[in-house]
């Protein structure tokens, strides 16, 4: 993985994995450039970009091939 700082670049509106520094955990979701919120795919949670909780993101890797 090659984490990208949100200070350097924000992701396109696709599923990405992002790191929530304040919580010390990662989540999968999307960044909405209109609302400036990081939306968690599997819940109703979101994180506003202005509070600096989300510090890095990366694309979600492809799933492994089945054996």
C-alpha atoms as a PDB file:
ATOM      1  CA  UNK A   1       0.000   0.000   0.000  1.00  0.00           C
ATOM      2  CA  UNK A   2       1.076   3.526  -0.713  1.00  0.00           C
ATOM      3  CA  UNK A   3      -0.778   5.830   1.643  1.00  0.00           C
ATOM      4  CA  UNK A   4      -1.514   9.315   0.263  1.00  0.00           C
ATOM      5  CA  UNK A   5      -1.715  12.295   2.603  1.00  0.00           C
ATOM      6  CA  UNK A   6      -4.986  14.225   2.370  1.00  0.00           C
ATOM      7  CA  UNK A   7      -2.830  17.356   2.412  1.00  0.00           C
ATOM      8  CA  UNK A   8      -1.247  16.246  -0.885  1.00  0.00           C
ATOM      9  CA  UNK A   9      -4.288  14.881  -2.717  1.00  0.00           C
ATOM     10  CA  UNK A  10      -7.910  13.910  -2.122  1.00  0.00           C
ATOM     11  CA  UNK A  11      -9.217  10.708  -3.702  1.00  0.00           C
ATOM     12  CA  UNK A  12     -11.646  10.398  -6.595  1.00  0.00           C
ATOM     13  CA  UNK A  13     -15.204   9.410  -5.647  1.00  0.00           C
ATOM     14  CA  UNK A  14     -14.530   5.673  -5.506  1.00  0.00           C
ATOM     15  CA  UNK A  15     -14.216   3.279  -2.571  1.00  0.00           C
ATOM     16  CA  UNK A  16     -10.932   3.840  -0.778  1.00  0.00           C
ATOM     17  CA  UNK A  17      -9.484   2.846   2.560  1.00  0.00           C
ATOM     18  CA  UNK A  18      -8.832   5.826   4.808  1.00  0.00           C
ATOM     19  CA  UNK A  19      -7.044   6.229   8.115  1.00  0.00           C
ATOM     20  CA  UNK A  20      -8.863   7.970  10.962  1.00  0.00           C
ATOM     21  CA  UNK A  21      -5.985   9.179  13.123  1.00  0.00           C
ATOM     22  CA  UNK A  22      -8.145  10.319  16.046  1.00  0.00           C
ATOM     23  CA  UNK A  23      -9.552   6.779  16.402  1.00  0.00           C
ATOM     24  CA  UNK A  24      -6.390   4.916  15.361  1.00  0.00           C
ATOM     25  CA  UNK A  25      -8.268   2.818  12.811  1.00  0.00           C
ATOM     26  CA  UNK A  26      -8.994   2.520   9.124  1.00  0.00           C
ATOM     27  CA  UNK A  27     -12.321   2.387   7.303  1.00  0.00           C
ATOM     28  CA  UNK A  28     -13.542   1.767   3.760  1.00  0.00           C
ATOM     29  CA  UNK A  29     -15.681   4.393   2.124  1.00  0.00           C
ATOM     30  CA  UNK A  30     -15.724   7.360  -0.209  1.00  0.00           C
ATOM     31  CA  UNK A  31     -14.814  11.032  -0.053  1.00  0.00           C
ATOM     32  CA  UNK A  32     -17.598  13.355  -1.190  1.00  0.00           C
ATOM     33  CA  UNK A  33     -15.994  16.476  -2.650  1.00  0.00           C
ATOM     34  CA  UNK A  34     -19.268  18.442  -2.477  1.00  0.00           C
ATOM     35  CA  UNK A  35     -19.962  17.876   1.234  1.00  0.00           C
ATOM     36  CA  UNK A  36     -16.251  17.449   2.087  1.00  0.00           C
ATOM     37  CA  UNK A  37     -17.067  14.363   4.128  1.00  0.00           C
ATOM     38  CA  UNK A  38     -15.528  10.918   4.332  1.00  0.00           C
ATOM     39  CA  UNK A  39     -18.471   8.489   4.217  1.00  0.00           C
ATOM     40  CA  UNK A  40     -18.043   5.003   5.729  1.00  0.00           C
ATOM     41  CA  UNK A  41     -19.528   2.398   3.355  1.00  0.00           C
ATOM     42  CA  UNK A  42     -20.819  -0.028   5.975  1.00  0.00           C
ATOM     43  CA  UNK A  43     -22.474   2.425   8.391  1.00  0.00           C
ATOM     44  CA  UNK A  44     -24.082   5.848   8.647  1.00  0.00           C
ATOM     45  CA  UNK A  45     -20.840   7.333  10.003  1.00  0.00           C
ATOM     46  CA  UNK A  46     -18.993  10.139   8.314  1.00  0.00           C
ATOM     47  CA  UNK A  47     -16.010  12.333   9.105  1.00  0.00           C
ATOM     48  CA  UNK A  48     -15.784  15.961   8.048  1.00  0.00           C
ATOM     49  CA  UNK A  49     -12.580  16.834   6.219  1.00  0.00           C
ATOM     50  CA  UNK A  50     -12.257  20.080   8.175  1.00  0.00           C
ATOM     51  CA  UNK A  51     -11.670  18.359  11.531  1.00  0.00           C
ATOM     52  CA  UNK A  52      -8.433  16.664  10.342  1.00  0.00           C
ATOM     53  CA  UNK A  53      -9.435  13.238  11.692  1.00  0.00           C
ATOM     54  CA  UNK A  54      -8.740  11.568   8.342  1.00  0.00           C
ATOM     55  CA  UNK A  55      -5.062  11.965   7.505  1.00  0.00           C
ATOM     56  CA  UNK A  56      -4.322   9.410   4.727  1.00  0.00           C
ATOM     57  CA  UNK A  57      -6.052   7.268   2.128  1.00  0.00           C
ATOM     58  CA  UNK A  58      -5.281   4.548  -0.428  1.00  0.00           C
ATOM     59  CA  UNK A  59      -7.198   2.626  -3.075  1.00  0.00           C
ATOM     60  CA  UNK A  60      -8.858  -0.578  -1.940  1.00  0.00           C
ATOM     61  CA  UNK A  61      -6.751  -3.497  -3.187  1.00  0.00           C
ATOM     62  CA  UNK A  62      -8.220  -6.107  -5.508  1.00  0.00           C
ATOM     63  CA  UNK A  63      -9.510  -9.183  -3.711  1.00  0.00           C
ATOM     64  CA  UNK A  64      -7.281 -12.266  -3.832  1.00  0.00           C
ATOM     65  CA  UNK A  65      -7.796 -14.785  -6.585  1.00  0.00           C
ATOM     66  CA  UNK A  66      -9.625 -17.917  -5.540  1.00  0.00           C
ATOM     67  CA  UNK A  67      -7.622 -21.111  -5.399  1.00  0.00           C
END
